[in-house]
Amino acid sequence: MEAARNQIRDLHGKANARQRQKIHEQLRDLQKDLYSDWDITGAAPNLLTHVLRSMASFGLIAETAKDTFEANRTTRVFANPHVVGAAPHISWIHLPVAQDLPFHQAMNTKLTPFEWMKQDSMQMKALGHIMVLDAVDSWVSSYPVEKEVGDFRPSNDSALLVDIGGGFGQHSVAFKKKYPELTSRICVQEIHSTLAHAPKVDGVEFEVHDFFTTQTFHGAKFYYLRHIMHDCIILAMGLESRILIDEVVLPETKMMAYLGGIERSKENWESLLKRAGLKIVDVHLYDEKRVHSVIAVVPK
């Protein structure tokens, strides 16, 4: 190390002004090369990747390969010192407008949209219908339920399917309709303001439940999650239990086309679930158009 420093000092001492400037630039570049982007920024890799992907989706930067980004024309425009200098005008005058959106003015409220809807039973009922409309295809259309169930029989105080945060129970209803011969309990868990408007269905139970609290069903075969994530299930699982996560799983061949948002690839899901003490046993694609899949997971 000392020899390298002495060599640099010697070169610097013999160089003219232009050459010394070049040496300084090369030393700065070398310093950057010795650190990863994560080391330089001090940001968590997953967080920085998500932020950069979001920026790329708006055209603020360019994503050239997986986890690789570079400046584009828009980036350089925003790097203009006059654009930077104009930031106070934008942030102090324009951005506060976003804190008083048409929704808040129209409803005369400071609450968030979901907080406001919870106070209006009609809106919670309408939200339940929207959740039904979102389920264009149901996972039960092609998931190998019979193969997975086998000879499984839940205890009297457990269930075959626990549909957590299941709204009006549209997926549980589809499950019961396709597999009427499976007579074990099917239960939809939701908050009271939603279940108050859920239609009653033969063969499907409804339970008022906050999914952030301890799971009440132990040893069920399937714990079904769609558009929700929490970690209150593992302790309730039995040896044959499966958590079924109904979400988007980005196909590797279309990574660059989809990664502008917050959807995850299989690799992303594996990493997330590993940190929660879970592992993937199967990924079943049931909606090719919207790349919706059922991710079956078990404790590690």
C-alpha atoms as a PDB file:
ATOM      1  CA  MET A   1       0.000   0.000   0.000  1.00  0.00           C
ATOM      2  CA  GLU A   2       2.839   2.376   0.876  1.00  0.00           C
ATOM      3  CA  ALA A   3       4.521   1.611  -2.454  1.00  0.00           C
ATOM      4  CA  ALA A   4       1.346   2.561  -4.321  1.00  0.00           C
ATOM      5  CA  ARG A   5       1.100   5.855  -2.438  1.00  0.00           C
ATOM      6  CA  ASN A   6       4.751   6.661  -3.137  1.00  0.00           C
ATOM      7  CA  GLN A   7       4.265   5.924  -6.836  1.00  0.00           C
ATOM      8  CA  ILE A   8       1.261   8.268  -6.996  1.00  0.00           C
ATOM      9  CA  ARG A   9       3.190  11.001  -5.170  1.00  0.00           C
ATOM     10  CA  ASP A  10       6.083  10.604  -7.592  1.00  0.00           C
ATOM     11  CA  LEU A  11       3.800  10.841 -10.636  1.00  0.00           C
ATOM     12  CA  HIS A  12       2.018  13.843  -9.144  1.00  0.00           C
ATOM     13  CA  GLY A  13       5.295  15.637  -8.424  1.00  0.00           C
ATOM     14  CA  LYS A  14       6.526  15.233 -11.997  1.00  0.00           C
ATOM     15  CA  ALA A  15       3.207  16.145 -13.653  1.00  0.00           C
ATOM     16  CA  ASN A  16       2.105  19.507 -15.005  1.00  0.00           C
ATOM     17  CA  ALA A  17      -1.164  21.171 -13.963  1.00  0.00           C
ATOM     18  CA  ARG A  18      -3.286  19.397 -16.568  1.00  0.00           C
ATOM     19  CA  GLN A  19      -1.762  15.999 -15.722  1.00  0.00           C
ATOM     20  CA  ARG A  20      -2.268  16.581 -11.983  1.00  0.00           C
ATOM     21  CA  GLN A  21      -5.937  17.326 -12.603  1.00  0.00           C
ATOM     22  CA  LYS A  22      -6.179  14.070 -14.548  1.00  0.00           C
ATOM     23  CA  ILE A  23      -4.585  12.178 -11.645  1.00  0.00           C
ATOM     24  CA  HIS A  24      -7.108  13.698  -9.222  1.00  0.00           C
ATOM     25  CA  GLU A  25     -10.000  12.641 -11.468  1.00  0.00           C
ATOM     26  CA  GLN A  26      -8.660   9.105 -11.804  1.00  0.00           C
ATOM     27  CA  LEU A  27      -8.243   8.808  -8.026  1.00  0.00           C
ATOM     28  CA  ARG A  28     -11.852   9.906  -7.514  1.00  0.00           C
ATOM     29  CA  ASP A  29     -13.034   7.378 -10.088  1.00  0.00           C
ATOM     30  CA  LEU A  30     -10.989   4.669  -8.391  1.00  0.00           C
ATOM     31  CA  GLN A  31     -12.533   5.504  -5.041  1.00  0.00           C
ATOM     32  CA  LYS A  32     -16.010   5.112  -6.515  1.00  0.00           C
ATOM     33  CA  ASP A  33     -15.075   1.819  -8.165  1.00  0.00           C
ATOM     34  CA  LEU A  34     -14.010   0.363  -4.805  1.00  0.00           C
ATOM     35  CA  TYR A  35     -17.540   0.663  -3.426  1.00  0.00           C
ATOM     36  CA  SER A  36     -20.830  -0.765  -4.615  1.00  0.00           C
ATOM     37  CA  ASP A  37     -23.798   1.507  -5.219  1.00  0.00           C
ATOM     38  CA  TRP A  38     -25.238   0.253  -1.944  1.00  0.00           C
ATOM     39  CA  ASP A  39     -22.070   1.235  -0.035  1.00  0.00           C
ATOM     40  CA  ILE A  40     -22.000   4.698  -1.604  1.00  0.00           C
ATOM     41  CA  THR A  41     -25.643   5.536  -0.902  1.00  0.00           C
ATOM     42  CA  GLY A  42     -25.983   3.766   2.435  1.00  0.00           C
ATOM     43  CA  ALA A  43     -29.429   2.566   1.342  1.00  0.00           C
ATOM     44  CA  ALA A  44     -30.774  -0.954   1.752  1.00  0.00           C
ATOM     45  CA  PRO A  45     -30.449  -2.794  -1.598  1.00  0.00           C
ATOM     46  CA  ASN A  46     -34.135  -3.762  -1.797  1.00  0.00           C
ATOM     47  CA  LEU A  47     -35.267  -0.234  -0.951  1.00  0.00           C
ATOM     48  CA  LEU A  48     -32.932   1.399  -3.461  1.00  0.00           C
ATOM     49  CA  THR A  49     -33.902  -1.089  -6.176  1.00  0.00           C
ATOM     50  CA  HIS A  50     -37.589  -0.360  -5.588  1.00  0.00           C
ATOM     51  CA  VAL A  51     -37.034   3.411  -5.697  1.00  0.00           C
ATOM     52  CA  LEU A  52     -34.975   3.175  -8.889  1.00  0.00           C
ATOM     53  CA  ARG A  53     -37.527   0.901 -10.578  1.00  0.00           C
ATOM     54  CA  SER A  54     -40.273   3.357  -9.711  1.00  0.00           C
ATOM     55  CA  MET A  55     -38.207   6.211 -11.138  1.00  0.00           C
ATOM     56  CA  ALA A  56     -37.570   4.185 -14.293  1.00  0.00           C
ATOM     57  CA  SER A  57     -41.303   3.538 -14.705  1.00  0.00           C
ATOM     58  CA  PHE A  58     -41.845   7.309 -14.884  1.00  0.00           C
ATOM     59  CA  GLY A  59     -38.975   7.749 -17.337  1.00  0.00           C
ATOM     60  CA  LEU A  60     -36.791   9.629 -14.855  1.00  0.00           C
ATOM     61  CA  ILE A  61     -33.908   7.177 -15.357  1.00  0.00           C
ATOM     62  CA  ALA A  62     -33.270   4.212 -17.661  1.00  0.00           C
ATOM     63  CA  GLU A  63     -33.206   0.559 -16.572  1.00  0.00           C
ATOM     64  CA  THR A  64     -30.719  -1.159 -18.880  1.00  0.00           C
ATOM     65  CA  ALA A  65     -30.577  -4.593 -17.216  1.00  0.00           C
ATOM     66  CA  LYS A  66     -31.663  -6.278 -14.011  1.00  0.00           C
ATOM     67  CA  ASP A  67     -30.756  -3.968 -11.087  1.00  0.00           C
ATOM     68  CA  THR A  68     -28.786  -1.753 -13.495  1.00  0.00           C
ATOM     69  CA  PHE A  69     -29.789   1.857 -14.090  1.00  0.00           C
ATOM     70  CA  GLU A  70     -28.306   4.865 -15.846  1.00  0.00           C
ATOM     71  CA  ALA A  71     -29.102   8.518 -16.456  1.00  0.00           C
ATOM     72  CA  ASN A  72     -31.243   9.468 -19.439  1.00  0.00           C
ATOM     73  CA  ARG A  73     -32.250  12.791 -20.979  1.00  0.00           C
ATOM     74  CA  THR A  74     -34.812  13.463 -18.257  1.00  0.00           C
ATOM     75  CA  THR A  75     -32.248  12.738 -15.549  1.00  0.00           C
ATOM     76  CA  ARG A  76     -29.905  15.311 -17.044  1.00  0.00           C
ATOM     77  CA  VAL A  77     -32.671  17.915 -17.273  1.00  0.00           C
ATOM     78  CA  PHE A  78     -33.398  17.530 -13.566  1.00  0.00           C
ATOM     79  CA  ALA A  79     -29.665  17.743 -12.841  1.00  0.00           C
ATOM     80  CA  ASN A  80     -29.643  21.245 -14.345  1.00  0.00           C
ATOM     81  CA  PRO A  81     -28.752  23.695 -11.537  1.00  0.00           C
ATOM     82  CA  HIS A  82     -31.596  26.006 -12.578  1.00  0.00           C
ATOM     83  CA  VAL A  83     -34.094  23.161 -12.228  1.00  0.00           C
ATOM     84  CA  VAL A  84     -32.635  22.374  -8.808  1.00  0.00           C
ATOM     85  CA  GLY A  85     -32.809  26.063  -7.925  1.00  0.00           C
ATOM     86  CA  ALA A  86     -36.494  26.156  -8.808  1.00  0.00           C
ATOM     87  CA  ALA A  87     -37.292  23.374  -6.308  1.00  0.00           C
ATOM     88  CA  PRO A  88     -38.426  25.710  -3.475  1.00  0.00           C
ATOM     89  CA  HIS A  89     -41.069  27.234  -5.729  1.00  0.00           C
ATOM     90  CA  ILE A  90     -42.346  23.772  -6.653  1.00  0.00           C
ATOM     91  CA  SER A  91     -42.192  22.246  -3.171  1.00  0.00           C
ATOM     92  CA  TRP A  92     -43.571  25.221  -1.245  1.00  0.00           C
ATOM     93  CA  ILE A  93     -46.315  26.256  -3.650  1.00  0.00           C
ATOM     94  CA  HIS A  94     -47.240  23.354  -5.920  1.00  0.00           C
ATOM     95  CA  LEU A  95     -46.805  20.254  -3.741  1.00  0.00           C
ATOM     96  CA  PRO A  96     -48.994  21.397  -0.806  1.00  0.00           C
ATOM     97  CA  VAL A  97     -51.890  21.270  -3.258  1.00  0.00           C
ATOM     98  CA  ALA A  98     -51.524  17.465  -3.191  1.00  0.00           C
ATOM     99  CA  GLN A  99     -52.367  17.518   0.523  1.00  0.00           C
ATOM    100  CA  ASP A 100     -55.756  18.987  -0.245  1.00  0.00           C
ATOM    101  CA  LEU A 101     -56.961  16.858  -3.118  1.00  0.00           C
ATOM    102  CA  PRO A 102     -60.406  17.004  -4.738  1.00  0.00           C
ATOM    103  CA  PHE A 103     -61.389  13.941  -2.648  1.00  0.00           C
ATOM    104  CA  HIS A 104     -60.840  15.832   0.607  1.00  0.00           C
ATOM    105  CA  GLN A 105     -62.654  18.913  -0.648  1.00  0.00           C
ATOM    106  CA  ALA A 106     -65.551  16.968  -2.108  1.00  0.00           C
ATOM    107  CA  MET A 107     -66.050  14.905   1.056  1.00  0.00           C
ATOM    108  CA  ASN A 108     -65.091  17.746   3.420  1.00  0.00           C
ATOM    109  CA  THR A 109     -62.716  15.494   5.354  1.00  0.00           C
ATOM    110  CA  LYS A 110     -59.084  15.221   6.397  1.00  0.00           C
ATOM    111  CA  LEU A 111     -59.277  11.429   6.612  1.00  0.00           C
ATOM    112  CA  THR A 112     -57.649   9.099   4.113  1.00  0.00           C
ATOM    113  CA  PRO A 113     -60.058   7.521   1.614  1.00  0.00           C
ATOM    114  CA  PHE A 114     -60.104   4.142   3.431  1.00  0.00           C
ATOM    115  CA  GLU A 115     -60.560   5.744   6.862  1.00  0.00           C
ATOM    116  CA  TRP A 116     -63.435   7.743   5.447  1.00  0.00           C
ATOM    117  CA  MET A 117     -65.081   4.710   3.818  1.00  0.00           C
ATOM    118  CA  LYS A 118     -64.996   2.760   7.092  1.00  0.00           C
ATOM    119  CA  GLN A 119     -67.336   5.364   8.558  1.00  0.00           C
ATOM    120  CA  ASP A 120     -69.860   4.878   5.753  1.00  0.00           C
ATOM    121  CA  SER A 121     -71.485   1.445   5.592  1.00  0.00           C
ATOM    122  CA  MET A 122     -72.698   2.019   2.037  1.00  0.00           C
ATOM    123  CA  GLN A 123     -69.141   2.667   0.852  1.00  0.00           C
ATOM    124  CA  MET A 124     -67.807  -0.432   2.616  1.00  0.00           C
ATOM    125  CA  LYS A 125     -70.503  -2.449   0.875  1.00  0.00           C
ATOM    126  CA  ALA A 126     -69.521  -0.920  -2.463  1.00  0.00           C
ATOM    127  CA  LEU A 127     -65.860  -1.712  -1.762  1.00  0.00           C
ATOM    128  CA  GLY A 128     -66.818  -5.342  -1.230  1.00  0.00           C
ATOM    129  CA  HIS A 129     -68.441  -5.408  -4.664  1.00  0.00           C
ATOM    130  CA  ILE A 130     -65.299  -3.873  -6.191  1.00  0.00           C
ATOM    131  CA  MET A 131     -63.223  -6.678  -4.676  1.00  0.00           C
ATOM    132  CA  VAL A 132     -65.534  -9.182  -6.358  1.00  0.00           C
ATOM    133  CA  LEU A 133     -65.126  -7.432  -9.709  1.00  0.00           C
ATOM    134  CA  ASP A 134     -61.338  -7.556  -9.294  1.00  0.00           C
ATOM    135  CA  ALA A 135     -61.478 -11.355  -9.218  1.00  0.00           C
ATOM    136  CA  VAL A 136     -61.916 -11.887 -12.969  1.00  0.00           C
ATOM    137  CA  ASP A 137     -60.552 -15.426 -12.680  1.00  0.00           C
ATOM    138  CA  SER A 138     -60.372 -17.458  -9.503  1.00  0.00           C
ATOM    139  CA  TRP A 139     -57.366 -19.510  -8.478  1.00  0.00           C
ATOM    140  CA  VAL A 140     -59.627 -22.536  -7.972  1.00  0.00           C
ATOM    141  CA  SER A 141     -60.161 -22.729 -11.743  1.00  0.00           C
ATOM    142  CA  SER A 142     -56.930 -24.653 -12.222  1.00  0.00           C
ATOM    143  CA  TYR A 143     -55.156 -25.105  -8.886  1.00  0.00           C
ATOM    144  CA  PRO A 144     -54.724 -28.844  -8.084  1.00  0.00           C
ATOM    145  CA  VAL A 145     -56.903 -28.735  -4.971  1.00  0.00           C
ATOM    146  CA  GLU A 146     -57.855 -32.426  -4.902  1.00  0.00           C
ATOM    147  CA  LYS A 147     -54.234 -33.510  -5.269  1.00  0.00           C
ATOM    148  CA  GLU A 148     -53.114 -31.179  -2.485  1.00  0.00           C
ATOM    149  CA  VAL A 149     -55.960 -32.111  -0.136  1.00  0.00           C
ATOM    150  CA  GLY A 150     -55.563 -35.874  -0.568  1.00  0.00           C
ATOM    151  CA  ASP A 151     -56.927 -37.587   2.534  1.00  0.00           C
ATOM    152  CA  PHE A 152     -56.528 -34.497   4.735  1.00  0.00           C
ATOM    153  CA  ARG A 153     -59.288 -34.044   7.287  1.00  0.00           C
ATOM    154  CA  PRO A 154     -59.210 -31.027   9.624  1.00  0.00           C
ATOM    155  CA  SER A 155     -60.100 -31.317  13.289  1.00  0.00           C
ATOM    156  CA  ASN A 156     -63.575 -30.215  14.376  1.00  0.00           C
ATOM    157  CA  ASP A 157     -62.304 -26.795  15.481  1.00  0.00           C
ATOM    158  CA  SER A 158     -60.244 -26.201  12.329  1.00  0.00           C
ATOM    159  CA  ALA A 159     -61.040 -25.837   8.621  1.00  0.00           C
ATOM    160  CA  LEU A 160     -60.105 -26.938   5.125  1.00  0.00           C
ATOM    161  CA  LEU A 161     -59.859 -23.350   3.815  1.00  0.00           C
ATOM    162  CA  VAL A 162     -59.423 -20.120   5.769  1.00  0.00           C
ATOM    163  CA  ASP A 163     -59.973 -17.148   3.440  1.00  0.00           C
ATOM    164  CA  ILE A 164     -58.245 -14.321   5.331  1.00  0.00           C
ATOM    165  CA  GLY A 165     -59.446 -10.814   4.506  1.00  0.00           C
ATOM    166  CA  GLY A 166     -61.706 -12.427   1.922  1.00  0.00           C
ATOM    167  CA  GLY A 167     -64.245  -9.633   1.440  1.00  0.00           C
ATOM    168  CA  PHE A 168     -67.620 -11.069   0.399  1.00  0.00           C
ATOM    169  CA  GLY A 169     -66.039 -14.517   0.103  1.00  0.00           C
ATOM    170  CA  GLN A 170     -66.057 -14.698  -3.688  1.00  0.00           C
ATOM    171  CA  HIS A 171     -63.067 -17.051  -3.835  1.00  0.00           C
ATOM    172  CA  SER A 172     -64.439 -19.292  -1.097  1.00  0.00           C
ATOM    173  CA  VAL A 173     -67.747 -19.460  -2.947  1.00  0.00           C
ATOM    174  CA  ALA A 174     -65.900 -20.462  -6.132  1.00  0.00           C
ATOM    175  CA  PHE A 175     -64.000 -23.091  -4.132  1.00  0.00           C
ATOM    176  CA  LYS A 176     -67.204 -24.571  -2.690  1.00  0.00           C
ATOM    177  CA  LYS A 177     -68.949 -24.519  -6.072  1.00  0.00           C
ATOM    178  CA  LYS A 178     -66.152 -26.413  -7.798  1.00  0.00           C
ATOM    179  CA  TYR A 179     -65.547 -28.897  -4.986  1.00  0.00           C
ATOM    180  CA  PRO A 180     -68.945 -29.575  -3.361  1.00  0.00           C
ATOM    181  CA  GLU A 181     -67.743 -33.044  -2.360  1.00  0.00           C
ATOM    182  CA  LEU A 182     -65.227 -31.479   0.051  1.00  0.00           C
ATOM    183  CA  THR A 183     -67.453 -31.081   3.080  1.00  0.00           C
ATOM    184  CA  SER A 184     -64.911 -29.729   5.577  1.00  0.00           C
ATOM    185  CA  ARG A 185     -65.313 -26.191   6.874  1.00  0.00           C
ATOM    186  CA  ILE A 186     -64.607 -23.150   4.696  1.00  0.00           C
ATOM    187  CA  CYS A 187     -64.354 -19.853   6.559  1.00  0.00           C
ATOM    188  CA  VAL A 188     -64.028 -16.265   5.354  1.00  0.00           C
ATOM    189  CA  GLN A 189     -62.440 -13.873   7.849  1.00  0.00           C
ATOM    190  CA  GLU A 190     -63.155 -10.137   7.483  1.00  0.00           C
ATOM    191  CA  ILE A 191     -63.812  -6.996   9.501  1.00  0.00           C
ATOM    192  CA  HIS A 192     -67.350  -6.382  10.722  1.00  0.00           C
ATOM    193  CA  SER A 193     -68.076  -3.410   8.445  1.00  0.00           C
ATOM    194  CA  THR A 194     -67.520  -5.637   5.400  1.00  0.00           C
ATOM    195  CA  LEU A 195     -69.224  -8.804   6.656  1.00  0.00           C
ATOM    196  CA  ALA A 196     -72.318  -6.794   7.525  1.00  0.00           C
ATOM    197  CA  HIS A 197     -73.019  -6.669   3.782  1.00  0.00           C
ATOM    198  CA  ALA A 198     -71.695 -10.070   2.700  1.00  0.00           C
ATOM    199  CA  PRO A 199     -74.366 -12.383   1.241  1.00  0.00           C
ATOM    200  CA  LYS A 200     -74.877 -15.639   3.117  1.00  0.00           C
ATOM    201  CA  VAL A 201     -73.745 -18.736   1.246  1.00  0.00           C
ATOM    202  CA  ASP A 202     -74.493 -22.359   2.118  1.00  0.00           C
ATOM    203  CA  GLY A 203     -71.331 -24.201   3.056  1.00  0.00           C
ATOM    204  CA  VAL A 204     -69.275 -21.045   3.665  1.00  0.00           C
ATOM    205  CA  GLU A 205     -68.839 -19.575   7.146  1.00  0.00           C
ATOM    206  CA  PHE A 206     -68.042 -15.943   7.914  1.00  0.00           C
ATOM    207  CA  GLU A 207     -66.052 -14.840  10.952  1.00  0.00           C
ATOM    208  CA  VAL A 208     -65.331 -11.316  12.155  1.00  0.00           C
ATOM    209  CA  HIS A 209     -61.553 -11.161  12.405  1.00  0.00           C
ATOM    210  CA  ASP A 210     -58.727  -8.628  12.312  1.00  0.00           C
ATOM    211  CA  PHE A 211     -55.981 -10.310  10.294  1.00  0.00           C
ATOM    212  CA  PHE A 212     -53.307  -8.419  12.230  1.00  0.00           C
ATOM    213  CA  THR A 213     -54.254 -10.436  15.327  1.00  0.00           C
ATOM    214  CA  THR A 214     -53.602 -14.086  16.212  1.00  0.00           C
ATOM    215  CA  GLN A 215     -55.073 -16.603  13.770  1.00  0.00           C
ATOM    216  CA  THR A 216     -58.017 -18.448  15.343  1.00  0.00           C
ATOM    217  CA  PHE A 217     -57.925 -21.551  13.123  1.00  0.00           C
ATOM    218  CA  HIS A 218     -55.101 -23.980  13.888  1.00  0.00           C
ATOM    219  CA  GLY A 219     -54.021 -26.759  11.560  1.00  0.00           C
ATOM    220  CA  ALA A 220     -56.138 -25.757   8.549  1.00  0.00           C
ATOM    221  CA  LYS A 221     -55.097 -27.107   5.161  1.00  0.00           C
ATOM    222  CA  PHE A 222     -55.145 -23.806   3.253  1.00  0.00           C
ATOM    223  CA  TYR A 223     -54.668 -20.269   4.556  1.00  0.00           C
ATOM    224  CA  TYR A 224     -55.546 -18.093   1.568  1.00  0.00           C
ATOM    225  CA  LEU A 225     -54.206 -14.526   1.178  1.00  0.00           C
ATOM    226  CA  ARG A 226     -55.008 -12.159  -1.692  1.00  0.00           C
ATOM    227  CA  HIS A 227     -53.720  -8.569  -1.772  1.00  0.00           C
ATOM    228  CA  ILE A 228     -52.814  -8.709   1.922  1.00  0.00           C
ATOM    229  CA  MET A 229     -49.607  -9.669   3.729  1.00  0.00           C
ATOM    230  CA  HIS A 230     -48.967 -10.357   7.399  1.00  0.00           C
ATOM    231  CA  ASP A 231     -47.038 -12.762   9.609  1.00  0.00           C
ATOM    232  CA  CYS A 232     -49.676 -14.084  12.033  1.00  0.00           C
ATOM    233  CA  ILE A 233     -50.174 -17.501  10.419  1.00  0.00           C
ATOM    234  CA  ILE A 234     -47.017 -19.565  10.926  1.00  0.00           C
ATOM    235  CA  LEU A 235     -47.754 -20.416  14.567  1.00  0.00           C
ATOM    236  CA  ALA A 236     -51.225 -21.675  13.590  1.00  0.00           C
ATOM    237  CA  MET A 237     -50.015 -23.997  10.828  1.00  0.00           C
ATOM    238  CA  GLY A 238     -49.989 -27.777  11.086  1.00  0.00           C
ATOM    239  CA  LEU A 239     -47.712 -30.277   9.372  1.00  0.00           C
ATOM    240  CA  GLU A 240     -49.953 -30.411   6.278  1.00  0.00           C
ATOM    241  CA  SER A 241     -50.876 -26.720   6.184  1.00  0.00           C
ATOM    242  CA  ARG A 242     -50.170 -24.470   3.218  1.00  0.00           C
ATOM    243  CA  ILE A 243     -50.300 -20.695   2.915  1.00  0.00           C
ATOM    244  CA  LEU A 244     -51.663 -19.825  -0.525  1.00  0.00           C
ATOM    245  CA  ILE A 245     -50.577 -16.343  -1.612  1.00  0.00           C
ATOM    246  CA  ASP A 246     -52.615 -15.134  -4.598  1.00  0.00           C
ATOM    247  CA  GLU A 247     -50.475 -12.406  -6.160  1.00  0.00           C
ATOM    248  CA  VAL A 248     -48.585 -11.371  -9.267  1.00  0.00           C
ATOM    249  CA  VAL A 249     -45.385 -13.331  -9.909  1.00  0.00           C
ATOM    250  CA  LEU A 250     -43.415 -11.682 -12.679  1.00  0.00           C
ATOM    251  CA  PRO A 251     -42.183 -14.092 -15.369  1.00  0.00           C
ATOM    252  CA  GLU A 252     -38.420 -13.922 -15.838  1.00  0.00           C
ATOM    253  CA  THR A 253     -38.828 -13.396 -19.596  1.00  0.00           C
ATOM    254  CA  LYS A 254     -40.774 -10.179 -18.993  1.00  0.00           C
ATOM    255  CA  MET A 255     -38.809  -8.673 -16.134  1.00  0.00           C
ATOM    256  CA  MET A 256     -37.951  -5.456 -17.969  1.00  0.00           C
ATOM    257  CA  ALA A 257     -41.535  -4.971 -19.098  1.00  0.00           C
ATOM    258  CA  TYR A 258     -43.109  -5.175 -15.659  1.00  0.00           C
ATOM    259  CA  LEU A 259     -40.584  -4.084 -13.054  1.00  0.00           C
ATOM    260  CA  GLY A 260     -41.606  -0.450 -13.017  1.00  0.00           C
ATOM    261  CA  GLY A 261     -44.097  -1.168 -10.237  1.00  0.00           C
ATOM    262  CA  ILE A 262     -43.979  -3.014  -6.958  1.00  0.00           C
ATOM    263  CA  GLU A 263     -44.862  -6.477  -8.236  1.00  0.00           C
ATOM    264  CA  ARG A 264     -42.378  -9.225  -7.410  1.00  0.00           C
ATOM    265  CA  SER A 265     -40.578 -11.892  -9.393  1.00  0.00           C
ATOM    266  CA  LYS A 266     -40.252 -15.422  -8.020  1.00  0.00           C
ATOM    267  CA  GLU A 267     -36.781 -14.492  -6.794  1.00  0.00           C
ATOM    268  CA  ASN A 268     -38.219 -11.489  -4.944  1.00  0.00           C
ATOM    269  CA  TRP A 269     -40.918 -13.641  -3.356  1.00  0.00           C
ATOM    270  CA  GLU A 270     -38.361 -16.249  -2.271  1.00  0.00           C
ATOM    271  CA  SER A 271     -36.265 -13.576  -0.601  1.00  0.00           C
ATOM    272  CA  LEU A 272     -39.248 -11.992   1.172  1.00  0.00           C
ATOM    273  CA  LEU A 273     -40.687 -15.289   2.390  1.00  0.00           C
ATOM    274  CA  LYS A 274     -37.290 -16.539   3.549  1.00  0.00           C
ATOM    275  CA  ARG A 275     -37.033 -13.557   5.895  1.00  0.00           C
ATOM    276  CA  ALA A 276     -40.455 -14.482   7.293  1.00  0.00           C
ATOM    277  CA  GLY A 277     -39.365 -18.081   7.985  1.00  0.00           C
ATOM    278  CA  LEU A 278     -41.173 -19.570   4.977  1.00  0.00           C
ATOM    279  CA  LYS A 279     -40.224 -21.325   1.760  1.00  0.00           C
ATOM    280  CA  ILE A 280     -41.987 -21.782  -1.580  1.00  0.00           C
ATOM    281  CA  VAL A 281     -43.069 -25.308  -2.505  1.00  0.00           C
ATOM    282  CA  ASP A 282     -44.936 -24.414  -5.702  1.00  0.00           C
ATOM    283  CA  VAL A 283     -45.930 -21.482  -7.921  1.00  0.00           C
ATOM    284  CA  HIS A 284     -49.103 -22.115  -9.927  1.00  0.00           C
ATOM    285  CA  LEU A 285     -49.906 -19.610 -12.709  1.00  0.00           C
ATOM    286  CA  TYR A 286     -53.675 -19.430 -13.247  1.00  0.00           C
ATOM    287  CA  ASP A 287     -54.133 -16.101 -15.066  1.00  0.00           C
ATOM    288  CA  GLU A 288     -51.600 -15.643 -17.869  1.00  0.00           C
ATOM    289  CA  LYS A 289     -52.952 -12.261 -18.965  1.00  0.00           C
ATOM    290  CA  ARG A 290     -52.484 -10.627 -15.560  1.00  0.00           C
ATOM    291  CA  VAL A 291     -49.701 -13.054 -14.475  1.00  0.00           C
ATOM    292  CA  HIS A 292     -51.594 -13.922 -11.298  1.00  0.00           C
ATOM    293  CA  SER A 293     -50.309 -16.999  -9.512  1.00  0.00           C
ATOM    294  CA  VAL A 294     -50.902 -18.955  -6.347  1.00  0.00           C
ATOM    295  CA  ILE A 295     -47.707 -19.268  -4.331  1.00  0.00           C
ATOM    296  CA  ALA A 296     -47.879 -22.255  -1.976  1.00  0.00           C
ATOM    297  CA  VAL A 297     -45.558 -21.822   1.003  1.00  0.00           C
ATOM    298  CA  VAL A 298     -44.702 -23.714   4.181  1.00  0.00           C
ATOM    299  CA  PRO A 299     -42.481 -23.010   7.196  1.00  0.00           C
ATOM    300  CA  LYS A 300     -38.786 -23.638   6.582  1.00  0.00           C
END
